[in-house]
PDB file of N, CA and C in Angstrom:
ATOM      1  N   MET A   1     -74.249  54.519   8.229  1.00  0.00           N
ATOM      2  CA  MET A   1     -73.209  55.026   7.352  1.00  0.00           C
ATOM      3  C   MET A   1     -71.855  54.929   8.063  1.00  0.00           C
ATOM      4  N   VAL A   2     -70.811  54.710   7.313  1.00  0.00           N
ATOM      5  CA  VAL A   2     -69.453  54.578   7.840  1.00  0.00           C
ATOM      6  C   VAL A   2     -68.843  55.961   8.051  1.00  0.00           C
ATOM      7  N   THR A   3     -68.175  56.148   9.183  1.00  0.00           N
ATOM      8  CA  THR A   3     -67.483  57.402   9.452  1.00  0.00           C
ATOM      9  C   THR A   3     -65.970  57.182   9.374  1.00  0.00           C
ATOM     10  N   ILE A   4     -65.248  58.273   9.321  1.00  0.00           N
ATOM     11  CA  ILE A   4     -63.786  58.168   9.344  1.00  0.00           C
ATOM     12  C   ILE A   4     -63.338  57.559  10.670  1.00  0.00           C
ATOM     13  N   ARG A   5     -64.050  57.868  11.738  1.00  0.00           N
ATOM     14  CA  ARG A   5     -63.732  57.277  13.048  1.00  0.00           C
ATOM     15  C   ARG A   5     -63.829  55.750  12.972  1.00  0.00           C
ATOM     16  N   ASP A   6     -64.843  55.241  12.282  1.00  0.00           N
ATOM     17  CA  ASP A   6     -64.982  53.782  12.099  1.00  0.00           C
ATOM     18  C   ASP A   6     -63.768  53.218  11.367  1.00  0.00           C
ATOM     19  N   ILE A   7     -63.302  53.951  10.350  1.00  0.00           N
ATOM     20  CA  ILE A   7     -62.143  53.506   9.579  1.00  0.00           C
ATOM     21  C   ILE A   7     -60.898  53.504  10.455  1.00  0.00           C
ATOM     22  N   VAL A   8     -60.720  54.554  11.255  1.00  0.00           N
ATOM     23  CA  VAL A   8     -59.574  54.630  12.179  1.00  0.00           C
ATOM     24  C   VAL A   8     -59.530  53.393  13.064  1.00  0.00           C
ATOM     25  N   GLU A   9     -60.670  53.043  13.628  1.00  0.00           N
ATOM     26  CA  GLU A   9     -60.729  51.891  14.527  1.00  0.00           C
ATOM     27  C   GLU A   9     -60.494  50.581  13.783  1.00  0.00           C
ATOM     28  N   ALA A  10     -61.081  50.449  12.600  1.00  0.00           N
ATOM     29  CA  ALA A  10     -60.980  49.194  11.846  1.00  0.00           C
ATOM     30  C   ALA A  10     -59.561  48.897  11.389  1.00  0.00           C
ATOM     31  N   VAL A  11     -58.809  49.945  11.029  1.00  0.00           N
ATOM     32  CA  VAL A  11     -57.457  49.721  10.494  1.00  0.00           C
ATOM     33  C   VAL A  11     -56.374  50.052  11.516  1.00  0.00           C
ATOM     34  N   ASP A  12     -56.795  50.289  12.767  1.00  0.00           N
ATOM     35  CA  ASP A  12     -55.858  50.585  13.858  1.00  0.00           C
ATOM     36  C   ASP A  12     -54.918  51.727  13.460  1.00  0.00           C
ATOM     37  N   ALA A  13     -55.525  52.847  13.049  1.00  0.00           N
ATOM     38  CA  ALA A  13     -54.754  53.975  12.526  1.00  0.00           C
ATOM     39  C   ALA A  13     -54.427  55.010  13.595  1.00  0.00           C
ATOM     40  N   GLU A  14     -53.376  55.750  13.317  1.00  0.00           N
ATOM     41  CA  GLU A  14     -52.993  56.900  14.127  1.00  0.00           C
ATOM     42  C   GLU A  14     -53.539  58.143  13.422  1.00  0.00           C
ATOM     43  N   VAL A  15     -54.158  59.022  14.181  1.00  0.00           N
ATOM     44  CA  VAL A  15     -54.694  60.264  13.618  1.00  0.00           C
ATOM     45  C   VAL A  15     -53.594  61.321  13.669  1.00  0.00           C
ATOM     46  N   MET A  16     -53.223  61.819  12.494  1.00  0.00           N
ATOM     47  CA  MET A  16     -52.166  62.831  12.394  1.00  0.00           C
ATOM     48  C   MET A  16     -52.737  64.247  12.533  1.00  0.00           C
ATOM     49  N   CYS A  17     -53.932  64.467  11.999  1.00  0.00           N
ATOM     50  CA  CYS A  17     -54.623  65.747  12.150  1.00  0.00           C
ATOM     51  C   CYS A  17     -56.097  65.540  11.817  1.00  0.00           C
ATOM     52  N   GLY A  18     -56.910  66.493  12.234  1.00  0.00           N
ATOM     53  CA  GLY A  18     -58.339  66.425  11.956  1.00  0.00           C
ATOM     54  C   GLY A  18     -59.128  65.589  12.935  1.00  0.00           C
ATOM     55  N   GLU A  19     -58.653  65.503  14.165  1.00  0.00           N
ATOM     56  CA  GLU A  19     -59.347  64.708  15.186  1.00  0.00           C
ATOM     57  C   GLU A  19     -60.806  65.127  15.342  1.00  0.00           C
ATOM     58  N   ASP A  20     -61.072  66.409  15.135  1.00  0.00           N
ATOM     59  CA  ASP A  20     -62.430  66.935  15.293  1.00  0.00           C
ATOM     60  C   ASP A  20     -63.312  66.673  14.069  1.00  0.00           C
ATOM     61  N   LEU A  21     -62.759  66.047  13.037  1.00  0.00           N
ATOM     62  CA  LEU A  21     -63.488  65.793  11.792  1.00  0.00           C
ATOM     63  C   LEU A  21     -63.733  64.312  11.527  1.00  0.00           C
ATOM     64  N   LEU A  22     -63.492  63.487  12.516  1.00  0.00           N
ATOM     65  CA  LEU A  22     -63.572  62.038  12.317  1.00  0.00           C
ATOM     66  C   LEU A  22     -64.991  61.511  12.177  1.00  0.00           C
ATOM     67  N   ASP A  23     -65.987  62.341  12.441  1.00  0.00           N
ATOM     68  CA  ASP A  23     -67.371  61.891  12.298  1.00  0.00           C
ATOM     69  C   ASP A  23     -67.915  62.135  10.890  1.00  0.00           C
ATOM     70  N   ARG A  24     -67.064  62.598   9.980  1.00  0.00           N
ATOM     71  CA  ARG A  24     -67.466  62.739   8.575  1.00  0.00           C
ATOM     72  C   ARG A  24     -67.804  61.370   8.005  1.00  0.00           C
ATOM     73  N   GLU A  25     -68.758  61.366   7.080  1.00  0.00           N
ATOM     74  CA  GLU A  25     -69.184  60.132   6.421  1.00  0.00           C
ATOM     75  C   GLU A  25     -68.783  60.185   4.949  1.00  0.00           C
ATOM     76  N   PRO A  26     -67.718  59.498   4.575  1.00  0.00           N
ATOM     77  CA  PRO A  26     -67.332  59.480   3.160  1.00  0.00           C
ATOM     78  C   PRO A  26     -68.463  58.922   2.300  1.00  0.00           C
ATOM     79  N   GLN A  27     -68.672  59.530   1.145  1.00  0.00           N
ATOM     80  CA  GLN A  27     -69.686  59.032   0.213  1.00  0.00           C
ATOM     81  C   GLN A  27     -69.172  57.820  -0.554  1.00  0.00           C
ATOM     82  N   CYS A  28     -67.838  57.696  -0.603  1.00  0.00           N
ATOM     83  CA  CYS A  28     -67.212  56.538  -1.240  1.00  0.00           C
ATOM     84  C   CYS A  28     -65.760  56.474  -0.782  1.00  0.00           C
ATOM     85  N   VAL A  29     -65.116  55.363  -1.103  1.00  0.00           N
ATOM     86  CA  VAL A  29     -63.703  55.174  -0.769  1.00  0.00           C
ATOM     87  C   VAL A  29     -62.968  54.803  -2.057  1.00  0.00           C
ATOM     88  N   ILE A  30     -61.822  55.455  -2.267  1.00  0.00           N
ATOM     89  CA  ILE A  30     -60.969  55.131  -3.406  1.00  0.00           C
ATOM     90  C   ILE A  30     -59.588  54.776  -2.871  1.00  0.00           C
ATOM     91  N   ALA A  31     -58.839  54.000  -3.651  1.00  0.00           N
ATOM     92  CA  ALA A  31     -57.509  53.577  -3.229  1.00  0.00           C
ATOM     93  C   ALA A  31     -56.577  53.553  -4.426  1.00  0.00           C
ATOM     94  N   SER A  32     -55.457  54.255  -4.302  1.00  0.00           N
ATOM     95  CA  SER A  32     -54.462  54.251  -5.365  1.00  0.00           C
ATOM     96  C   SER A  32     -53.204  54.955  -4.889  1.00  0.00           C
ATOM     97  N   ASP A  33     -52.093  54.620  -5.541  1.00  0.00           N
ATOM     98  CA  ASP A  33     -50.837  55.328  -5.333  1.00  0.00           C
ATOM     99  C   ASP A  33     -50.522  56.226  -6.527  1.00  0.00           C
ATOM    100  N   LEU A  34     -51.414  56.263  -7.505  1.00  0.00           N
ATOM    101  CA  LEU A  34     -51.205  57.060  -8.706  1.00  0.00           C
ATOM    102  C   LEU A  34     -52.143  58.263  -8.719  1.00  0.00           C
ATOM    103  N   VAL A  35     -51.583  59.464  -8.744  1.00  0.00           N
ATOM    104  CA  VAL A  35     -52.393  60.676  -8.743  1.00  0.00           C
ATOM    105  C   VAL A  35     -53.321  60.690  -9.951  1.00  0.00           C
ATOM    106  N   SER A  36     -52.828  60.241 -11.099  1.00  0.00           N
ATOM    107  CA  SER A  36     -53.669  60.241 -12.301  1.00  0.00           C
ATOM    108  C   SER A  36     -54.911  59.376 -12.108  1.00  0.00           C
ATOM    109  N   ASP A  37     -54.794  58.255 -11.424  1.00  0.00           N
ATOM    110  CA  ASP A  37     -55.964  57.416 -11.155  1.00  0.00           C
ATOM    111  C   ASP A  37     -56.883  58.065 -10.124  1.00  0.00           C
ATOM    112  N   ILE A  38     -56.298  58.669  -9.114  1.00  0.00           N
ATOM    113  CA  ILE A  38     -57.089  59.329  -8.078  1.00  0.00           C
ATOM    114  C   ILE A  38     -57.950  60.429  -8.686  1.00  0.00           C
ATOM    115  N   LEU A  39     -57.382  61.162  -9.628  1.00  0.00           N
ATOM    116  CA  LEU A  39     -58.099  62.272 -10.249  1.00  0.00           C
ATOM    117  C   LEU A  39     -59.231  61.809 -11.167  1.00  0.00           C
ATOM    118  N   CYS A  40     -59.310  60.509 -11.432  1.00  0.00           N
ATOM    119  CA  CYS A  40     -60.396  59.978 -12.262  1.00  0.00           C
ATOM    120  C   CYS A  40     -61.632  59.610 -11.442  1.00  0.00           C
ATOM    121  N   CYS A  41     -61.591  59.849 -10.149  1.00  0.00           N
ATOM    122  CA  CYS A  41     -62.757  59.580  -9.299  1.00  0.00           C
ATOM    123  C   CYS A  41     -63.852  60.586  -9.648  1.00  0.00           C
ATOM    124  N   ARG A  42     -65.060  60.094  -9.844  1.00  0.00           N
ATOM    125  CA  ARG A  42     -66.180  60.955 -10.232  1.00  0.00           C
ATOM    126  C   ARG A  42     -67.235  61.078  -9.133  1.00  0.00           C
ATOM    127  N   GLU A  43     -66.928  60.608  -7.963  1.00  0.00           N
ATOM    128  CA  GLU A  43     -67.870  60.665  -6.853  1.00  0.00           C
ATOM    129  C   GLU A  43     -67.615  61.908  -6.010  1.00  0.00           C
ATOM    130  N   GLU A  44     -68.631  62.324  -5.279  1.00  0.00           N
ATOM    131  CA  GLU A  44     -68.464  63.428  -4.338  1.00  0.00           C
ATOM    132  C   GLU A  44     -68.108  62.860  -2.974  1.00  0.00           C
ATOM    133  N   GLY A  45     -67.325  63.615  -2.222  1.00  0.00           N
ATOM    134  CA  GLY A  45     -66.984  63.235  -0.860  1.00  0.00           C
ATOM    135  C   GLY A  45     -66.201  61.961  -0.708  1.00  0.00           C
ATOM    136  N   PRO A  46     -65.165  61.742  -1.550  1.00  0.00           N
ATOM    137  CA  PRO A  46     -64.401  60.495  -1.426  1.00  0.00           C
ATOM    138  C   PRO A  46     -63.383  60.531  -0.275  1.00  0.00           C
ATOM    139  N   PHE A  47     -63.092  59.356   0.239  1.00  0.00           N
ATOM    140  CA  PHE A  47     -62.032  59.131   1.216  1.00  0.00           C
ATOM    141  C   PHE A  47     -60.956  58.345   0.483  1.00  0.00           C
ATOM    142  N   LEU A  48     -59.710  58.749   0.635  1.00  0.00           N
ATOM    143  CA  LEU A  48     -58.607  58.143  -0.112  1.00  0.00           C
ATOM    144  C   LEU A  48     -57.740  57.259   0.767  1.00  0.00           C
ATOM    145  N   ILE A  49     -57.444  56.063   0.258  1.00  0.00           N
ATOM    146  CA  ILE A  49     -56.467  55.165   0.862  1.00  0.00           C
ATOM    147  C   ILE A  49     -55.281  55.142  -0.098  1.00  0.00           C
ATOM    148  N   THR A  50     -54.086  55.466   0.408  1.00  0.00           N
ATOM    149  CA  THR A  50     -52.921  55.567  -0.469  1.00  0.00           C
ATOM    150  C   THR A  50     -51.626  55.317   0.297  1.00  0.00           C
ATOM    151  N   GLY A  51     -50.598  55.010  -0.458  1.00  0.00           N
ATOM    152  CA  GLY A  51     -49.249  54.910   0.095  1.00  0.00           C
ATOM    153  C   GLY A  51     -48.382  56.053  -0.396  1.00  0.00           C
ATOM    154  N   LEU A  52     -48.972  56.974  -1.135  1.00  0.00           N
ATOM    155  CA  LEU A  52     -48.235  58.100  -1.704  1.00  0.00           C
ATOM    156  C   LEU A  52     -48.206  59.255  -0.709  1.00  0.00           C
ATOM    157  N   ALA A  53     -47.178  59.274   0.120  1.00  0.00           N
ATOM    158  CA  ALA A  53     -47.050  60.302   1.159  1.00  0.00           C
ATOM    159  C   ALA A  53     -46.209  61.468   0.649  1.00  0.00           C
ATOM    160  N   LYS A  54     -46.682  62.076  -0.423  1.00  0.00           N
ATOM    161  CA  LYS A  54     -45.999  63.216  -1.046  1.00  0.00           C
ATOM    162  C   LYS A  54     -46.964  64.389  -1.123  1.00  0.00           C
ATOM    163  N   ILE A  55     -46.426  65.596  -1.228  1.00  0.00           N
ATOM    164  CA  ILE A  55     -47.247  66.809  -1.207  1.00  0.00           C
ATOM    165  C   ILE A  55     -48.257  66.836  -2.344  1.00  0.00           C
ATOM    166  N   GLN A  56     -47.959  66.209  -3.493  1.00  0.00           N
ATOM    167  CA  GLN A  56     -48.905  66.264  -4.610  1.00  0.00           C
ATOM    168  C   GLN A  56     -50.236  65.600  -4.279  1.00  0.00           C
ATOM    169  N   ILE A  57     -50.245  64.734  -3.274  1.00  0.00           N
ATOM    170  CA  ILE A  57     -51.496  64.093  -2.889  1.00  0.00           C
ATOM    171  C   ILE A  57     -52.480  65.131  -2.346  1.00  0.00           C
ATOM    172  N   LEU A  58     -51.949  66.188  -1.713  1.00  0.00           N
ATOM    173  CA  LEU A  58     -52.836  67.231  -1.192  1.00  0.00           C
ATOM    174  C   LEU A  58     -53.391  68.108  -2.293  1.00  0.00           C
ATOM    175  N   ARG A  59     -52.659  68.268  -3.354  1.00  0.00           N
ATOM    176  CA  ARG A  59     -53.201  69.002  -4.503  1.00  0.00           C
ATOM    177  C   ARG A  59     -54.393  68.232  -5.082  1.00  0.00           C
ATOM    178  N   ALA A  60     -54.236  66.923  -5.194  1.00  0.00           N
ATOM    179  CA  ALA A  60     -55.341  66.087  -5.667  1.00  0.00           C
ATOM    180  C   ALA A  60     -56.496  66.118  -4.665  1.00  0.00           C
ATOM    181  N   ALA A  61     -56.183  66.084  -3.387  1.00  0.00           N
ATOM    182  CA  ALA A  61     -57.210  66.121  -2.347  1.00  0.00           C
ATOM    183  C   ALA A  61     -58.041  67.388  -2.450  1.00  0.00           C
ATOM    184  N   ASP A  62     -57.380  68.502  -2.694  1.00  0.00           N
ATOM    185  CA  ASP A  62     -58.075  69.779  -2.812  1.00  0.00           C
ATOM    186  C   ASP A  62     -58.959  69.799  -4.059  1.00  0.00           C
ATOM    187  N   MET A  63     -58.467  69.255  -5.154  1.00  0.00           N
ATOM    188  CA  MET A  63     -59.237  69.234  -6.407  1.00  0.00           C
ATOM    189  C   MET A  63     -60.482  68.360  -6.304  1.00  0.00           C
ATOM    190  N   LEU A  64     -60.382  67.261  -5.561  1.00  0.00           N
ATOM    191  CA  LEU A  64     -61.485  66.306  -5.458  1.00  0.00           C
ATOM    192  C   LEU A  64     -62.376  66.522  -4.242  1.00  0.00           C
ATOM    193  N   ASP A  65     -62.012  67.469  -3.394  1.00  0.00           N
ATOM    194  CA  ASP A  65     -62.749  67.683  -2.137  1.00  0.00           C
ATOM    195  C   ASP A  65     -62.820  66.399  -1.313  1.00  0.00           C
ATOM    196  N   LEU A  66     -61.658  65.765  -1.147  1.00  0.00           N
ATOM    197  CA  LEU A  66     -61.596  64.570  -0.304  1.00  0.00           C
ATOM    198  C   LEU A  66     -62.079  64.902   1.100  1.00  0.00           C
ATOM    199  N   VAL A  67     -62.650  63.904   1.771  1.00  0.00           N
ATOM    200  CA  VAL A  67     -63.071  64.103   3.156  1.00  0.00           C
ATOM    201  C   VAL A  67     -62.040  63.552   4.135  1.00  0.00           C
ATOM    202  N   GLY A  68     -61.015  62.853   3.617  1.00  0.00           N
ATOM    203  CA  GLY A  68     -59.962  62.323   4.468  1.00  0.00           C
ATOM    204  C   GLY A  68     -59.007  61.463   3.674  1.00  0.00           C
ATOM    205  N   ILE A  69     -57.832  61.234   4.284  1.00  0.00           N
ATOM    206  CA  ILE A  69     -56.797  60.404   3.664  1.00  0.00           C
ATOM    207  C   ILE A  69     -56.255  59.424   4.689  1.00  0.00           C
ATOM    208  N   CYS A  70     -56.059  58.191   4.239  1.00  0.00           N
ATOM    209  CA  CYS A  70     -55.393  57.175   5.047  1.00  0.00           C
ATOM    210  C   CYS A  70     -54.121  56.758   4.330  1.00  0.00           C
ATOM    211  N   PHE A  71     -52.976  56.983   4.961  1.00  0.00           N
ATOM    212  CA  PHE A  71     -51.701  56.517   4.432  1.00  0.00           C
ATOM    213  C   PHE A  71     -51.448  55.111   4.970  1.00  0.00           C
ATOM    214  N   VAL A  72     -51.082  54.208   4.067  1.00  0.00           N
ATOM    215  CA  VAL A  72     -50.899  52.797   4.422  1.00  0.00           C
ATOM    216  C   VAL A  72     -49.421  52.408   4.425  1.00  0.00           C
ATOM    217  N   ARG A  73     -49.172  51.152   4.769  1.00  0.00           N
ATOM    218  CA  ARG A  73     -47.828  50.558   4.776  1.00  0.00           C
ATOM    219  C   ARG A  73     -46.858  51.293   5.698  1.00  0.00           C
ATOM    220  N   GLY A  74     -47.369  51.886   6.755  1.00  0.00           N
ATOM    221  CA  GLY A  74     -46.503  52.565   7.717  1.00  0.00           C
ATOM    222  C   GLY A  74     -45.939  53.879   7.227  1.00  0.00           C
ATOM    223  N   LYS A  75     -46.463  54.402   6.124  1.00  0.00           N
ATOM    224  CA  LYS A  75     -45.982  55.688   5.608  1.00  0.00           C
ATOM    225  C   LYS A  75     -46.446  56.799   6.546  1.00  0.00           C
ATOM    226  N   THR A  76     -45.524  57.657   6.886  1.00  0.00           N
ATOM    227  CA  THR A  76     -45.851  58.811   7.722  1.00  0.00           C
ATOM    228  C   THR A  76     -45.568  60.065   6.916  1.00  0.00           C
ATOM    229  N   PRO A  77     -46.593  60.876   6.692  1.00  0.00           N
ATOM    230  CA  PRO A  77     -46.390  62.080   5.892  1.00  0.00           C
ATOM    231  C   PRO A  77     -45.502  63.088   6.611  1.00  0.00           C
ATOM    232  N   GLU A  78     -44.754  63.854   5.821  1.00  0.00           N
ATOM    233  CA  GLU A  78     -43.926  64.911   6.381  1.00  0.00           C
ATOM    234  C   GLU A  78     -44.813  65.975   7.016  1.00  0.00           C
ATOM    235  N   GLU A  79     -44.228  66.746   7.910  1.00  0.00           N
ATOM    236  CA  GLU A  79     -44.987  67.769   8.631  1.00  0.00           C
ATOM    237  C   GLU A  79     -45.636  68.771   7.679  1.00  0.00           C
ATOM    238  N   GLU A  80     -44.983  69.055   6.553  1.00  0.00           N
ATOM    239  CA  GLU A  80     -45.558  69.972   5.560  1.00  0.00           C
ATOM    240  C   GLU A  80     -46.911  69.453   5.061  1.00  0.00           C
ATOM    241  N   ILE A  81     -47.019  68.158   4.850  1.00  0.00           N
ATOM    242  CA  ILE A  81     -48.266  67.554   4.392  1.00  0.00           C
ATOM    243  C   ILE A  81     -49.330  67.644   5.470  1.00  0.00           C
ATOM    244  N   VAL A  82     -48.947  67.323   6.687  1.00  0.00           N
ATOM    245  CA  VAL A  82     -49.902  67.374   7.805  1.00  0.00           C
ATOM    246  C   VAL A  82     -50.378  68.809   8.020  1.00  0.00           C
ATOM    247  N   ASP A  83     -49.469  69.770   7.979  1.00  0.00           N
ATOM    248  CA  ASP A  83     -49.854  71.176   8.152  1.00  0.00           C
ATOM    249  C   ASP A  83     -50.797  71.629   7.047  1.00  0.00           C
ATOM    250  N   SER A  84     -50.491  71.259   5.809  1.00  0.00           N
ATOM    251  CA  SER A  84     -51.350  71.635   4.686  1.00  0.00           C
ATOM    252  C   SER A  84     -52.718  70.983   4.801  1.00  0.00           C
ATOM    253  N   ALA A  85     -52.751  69.720   5.208  1.00  0.00           N
ATOM    254  CA  ALA A  85     -54.027  69.023   5.396  1.00  0.00           C
ATOM    255  C   ALA A  85     -54.844  69.709   6.488  1.00  0.00           C
ATOM    256  N   ARG A  86     -54.182  70.103   7.546  1.00  0.00           N
ATOM    257  CA  ARG A  86     -54.861  70.804   8.635  1.00  0.00           C
ATOM    258  C   ARG A  86     -55.502  72.090   8.112  1.00  0.00           C
ATOM    259  N   GLN A  87     -54.772  72.830   7.285  1.00  0.00           N
ATOM    260  CA  GLN A  87     -55.292  74.075   6.714  1.00  0.00           C
ATOM    261  C   GLN A  87     -56.479  73.815   5.786  1.00  0.00           C
ATOM    262  N   LEU A  88     -56.474  72.668   5.110  1.00  0.00           N
ATOM    263  CA  LEU A  88     -57.578  72.307   4.214  1.00  0.00           C
ATOM    264  C   LEU A  88     -58.768  71.708   4.966  1.00  0.00           C
ATOM    265  N   GLY A  89     -58.592  71.453   6.262  1.00  0.00           N
ATOM    266  CA  GLY A  89     -59.650  70.808   7.030  1.00  0.00           C
ATOM    267  C   GLY A  89     -59.819  69.351   6.632  1.00  0.00           C
ATOM    268  N   LEU A  90     -58.683  68.682   6.451  1.00  0.00           N
ATOM    269  CA  LEU A  90     -58.658  67.316   5.936  1.00  0.00           C
ATOM    270  C   LEU A  90     -58.066  66.366   6.975  1.00  0.00           C
ATOM    271  N   PRO A  91     -58.840  65.434   7.501  1.00  0.00           N
ATOM    272  CA  PRO A  91     -58.281  64.459   8.428  1.00  0.00           C
ATOM    273  C   PRO A  91     -57.262  63.555   7.731  1.00  0.00           C
ATOM    274  N   VAL A  92     -56.150  63.318   8.391  1.00  0.00           N
ATOM    275  CA  VAL A  92     -55.113  62.427   7.880  1.00  0.00           C
ATOM    276  C   VAL A  92     -54.863  61.358   8.930  1.00  0.00           C
ATOM    277  N   ILE A  93     -54.925  60.092   8.485  1.00  0.00           N
ATOM    278  CA  ILE A  93     -54.656  58.972   9.378  1.00  0.00           C
ATOM    279  C   ILE A  93     -53.601  58.076   8.745  1.00  0.00           C
ATOM    280  N   CYS A  94     -52.905  57.312   9.574  1.00  0.00           N
ATOM    281  CA  CYS A  94     -51.840  56.422   9.094  1.00  0.00           C
ATOM    282  C   CYS A  94     -51.999  55.048   9.731  1.00  0.00           C
ATOM    283  N   THR A  95     -51.774  54.022   8.924  1.00  0.00           N
ATOM    284  CA  THR A  95     -51.824  52.659   9.429  1.00  0.00           C
ATOM    285  C   THR A  95     -50.613  51.879   8.917  1.00  0.00           C
ATOM    286  N   SER A  96     -50.203  50.893   9.669  1.00  0.00           N
ATOM    287  CA  SER A  96     -49.093  50.041   9.233  1.00  0.00           C
ATOM    288  C   SER A  96     -49.585  48.905   8.335  1.00  0.00           C
ATOM    289  N   LYS A  97     -50.891  48.780   8.191  1.00  0.00           N
ATOM    290  CA  LYS A  97     -51.447  47.713   7.360  1.00  0.00           C
ATOM    291  C   LYS A  97     -51.174  47.984   5.875  1.00  0.00           C
ATOM    292  N   THR A  98     -51.177  46.923   5.084  1.00  0.00           N
ATOM    293  CA  THR A  98     -50.997  47.072   3.640  1.00  0.00           C
ATOM    294  C   THR A  98     -52.244  47.707   3.027  1.00  0.00           C
ATOM    295  N   MET A  99     -52.111  48.166   1.794  1.00  0.00           N
ATOM    296  CA  MET A  99     -53.281  48.732   1.118  1.00  0.00           C
ATOM    297  C   MET A  99     -54.360  47.664   0.947  1.00  0.00           C
ATOM    298  N   TYR A 100     -53.940  46.464   0.579  1.00  0.00           N
ATOM    299  CA  TYR A 100     -54.883  45.362   0.381  1.00  0.00           C
ATOM    300  C   TYR A 100     -55.688  45.104   1.650  1.00  0.00           C
ATOM    301  N   GLU A 101     -54.991  44.976   2.766  1.00  0.00           N
ATOM    302  CA  GLU A 101     -55.665  44.698   4.034  1.00  0.00           C
ATOM    303  C   GLU A 101     -56.547  45.865   4.447  1.00  0.00           C
ATOM    304  N   THR A 102     -56.048  47.083   4.286  1.00  0.00           N
ATOM    305  CA  THR A 102     -56.816  48.272   4.645  1.00  0.00           C
ATOM    306  C   THR A 102     -58.104  48.346   3.832  1.00  0.00           C
ATOM    307  N   CYS A 103     -57.986  48.147   2.519  1.00  0.00           N
ATOM    308  CA  CYS A 103     -59.170  48.180   1.656  1.00  0.00           C
ATOM    309  C   CYS A 103     -60.173  47.107   2.067  1.00  0.00           C
ATOM    310  N   GLY A 104     -59.680  45.925   2.383  1.00  0.00           N
ATOM    311  CA  GLY A 104     -60.570  44.844   2.798  1.00  0.00           C
ATOM    312  C   GLY A 104     -61.319  45.181   4.071  1.00  0.00           C
ATOM    313  N   LEU A 105     -60.622  45.745   5.036  1.00  0.00           N
ATOM    314  CA  LEU A 105     -61.254  46.107   6.305  1.00  0.00           C
ATOM    315  C   LEU A 105     -62.279  47.230   6.129  1.00  0.00           C
ATOM    316  N   VAL A 106     -61.956  48.191   5.287  1.00  0.00           N
ATOM    317  CA  VAL A 106     -62.885  49.299   5.041  1.00  0.00           C
ATOM    318  C   VAL A 106     -64.091  48.801   4.250  1.00  0.00           C
ATOM    319  N   PHE A 107     -63.868  47.920   3.286  1.00  0.00           N
ATOM    320  CA  PHE A 107     -64.973  47.318   2.538  1.00  0.00           C
ATOM    321  C   PHE A 107     -65.894  46.557   3.483  1.00  0.00           C
ATOM    322  N   LYS A 108     -65.292  45.831   4.401  1.00  0.00           N
ATOM    323  CA  LYS A 108     -66.061  45.039   5.371  1.00  0.00           C
ATOM    324  C   LYS A 108     -66.956  45.923   6.240  1.00  0.00           C
ATOM    325  N   LEU A 109     -66.548  47.175   6.460  1.00  0.00           N
ATOM    326  CA  LEU A 109     -67.371  48.113   7.222  1.00  0.00           C
ATOM    327  C   LEU A 109     -68.644  48.496   6.463  1.00  0.00           C
ATOM    328  N   GLY A 110     -68.607  48.318   5.146  1.00  0.00           N
ATOM    329  CA  GLY A 110     -69.755  48.678   4.328  1.00  0.00           C
ATOM    330  C   GLY A 110     -69.599  49.988   3.587  1.00  0.00           C
ATOM    331  N   ALA A 111     -68.384  50.519   3.559  1.00  0.00           N
ATOM    332  CA  ALA A 111     -68.148  51.772   2.831  1.00  0.00           C
ATOM    333  C   ALA A 111     -68.255  51.513   1.334  1.00  0.00           C
ATOM    334  N   PRO A 112     -68.969  52.386   0.602  1.00  0.00           N
ATOM    335  CA  PRO A 112     -69.118  52.186  -0.836  1.00  0.00           C
ATOM    336  C   PRO A 112     -67.848  52.527  -1.602  1.00  0.00           C
ATOM    337  N   SER A 113     -67.652  51.829  -2.703  1.00  0.00           N
ATOM    338  CA  SER A 113     -66.503  52.065  -3.574  1.00  0.00           C
ATOM    339  C   SER A 113     -66.770  53.254  -4.485  1.00  0.00           C
ATOM    340  N   GLY A 114     -65.703  53.982  -4.814  1.00  0.00           N
ATOM    341  CA  GLY A 114     -65.822  55.087  -5.750  1.00  0.00           C
ATOM    342  C   GLY A 114     -65.868  54.590  -7.177  1.00  0.00           C
ATOM    343  N   VAL A 115     -66.425  55.405  -8.043  1.00  0.00           N
ATOM    344  CA  VAL A 115     -66.498  55.085  -9.465  1.00  0.00           C
ATOM    345  C   VAL A 115     -65.290  55.684 -10.156  1.00  0.00           C
ATOM    346  N   TYR A 116     -64.602  54.874 -10.935  1.00  0.00           N
ATOM    347  CA  TYR A 116     -63.420  55.301 -11.670  1.00  0.00           C
ATOM    348  C   TYR A 116     -63.792  55.409 -13.141  1.00  0.00           C
ATOM    349  N   ILE A 117     -63.687  56.598 -13.689  1.00  0.00           N
ATOM    350  CA  ILE A 117     -63.962  56.812 -15.098  1.00  0.00           C
ATOM    351  C   ILE A 117     -62.680  57.331 -15.736  1.00  0.00           C
ATOM    352  N   PRO A 118     -61.990  56.468 -16.520  1.00  0.00           N
ATOM    353  CA  PRO A 118     -60.732  56.907 -17.130  1.00  0.00           C
ATOM    354  C   PRO A 118     -60.969  58.012 -18.150  1.00  0.00           C
ATOM    355  N   PRO A 119     -59.980  58.854 -18.340  1.00  0.00           N
ATOM    356  CA  PRO A 119     -60.108  59.907 -19.348  1.00  0.00           C
ATOM    357  C   PRO A 119     -60.317  59.311 -20.735  1.00  0.00           C
ATOM    358  N   SER A 120     -60.937  60.059 -21.605  1.00  0.00           N
ATOM    359  CA  SER A 120     -61.174  59.615 -22.972  1.00  0.00           C
ATOM    360  C   SER A 120     -59.862  59.198 -23.631  1.00  0.00           C
ATOM    361  N   GLY A 121     -59.859  58.033 -24.268  1.00  0.00           N
ATOM    362  CA  GLY A 121     -58.669  57.536 -24.939  1.00  0.00           C
ATOM    363  C   GLY A 121     -57.769  56.689 -24.069  1.00  0.00           C
ATOM    364  N   ALA A 122     -58.000  56.659 -22.741  1.00  0.00           N
ATOM    365  CA  ALA A 122     -57.183  55.841 -21.833  1.00  0.00           C
ATOM    366  C   ALA A 122     -57.727  54.427 -21.784  1.00  0.00           C
ATOM    367  N   GLU A 123     -56.837  53.513 -21.543  1.00  0.00           N
ATOM    368  CA  GLU A 123     -57.272  52.111 -21.422  1.00  0.00           C
ATOM    369  C   GLU A 123     -56.954  51.577 -20.064  1.00  0.00           C
TER     370      GLU A 123
END
């Protein structure tokens, strides 16, 4: 099974918080910059790859019980985000790689993809 530590190494990421939680095994991986899409994940224990380094991402993380977040494209979350993630027990990592490259490297590790089920009436 893939761990967050494996993802850190594969995408050459910097660990912002949650160093003691890197041995978690995400049940799936999702990737998006849209909170509405992230909230459509129906899997348990997802790991999120995103470029959205805003506080609302932590609200979504709390709702979905994310096991970790990877910020891409060199985005560095503000200290408020890192502090909140620390309080939630959520590892946060950052990489300078693009989302496309990050997703490819994580897929190559064998991490399963999350299932996206759009809300009723959405296309």
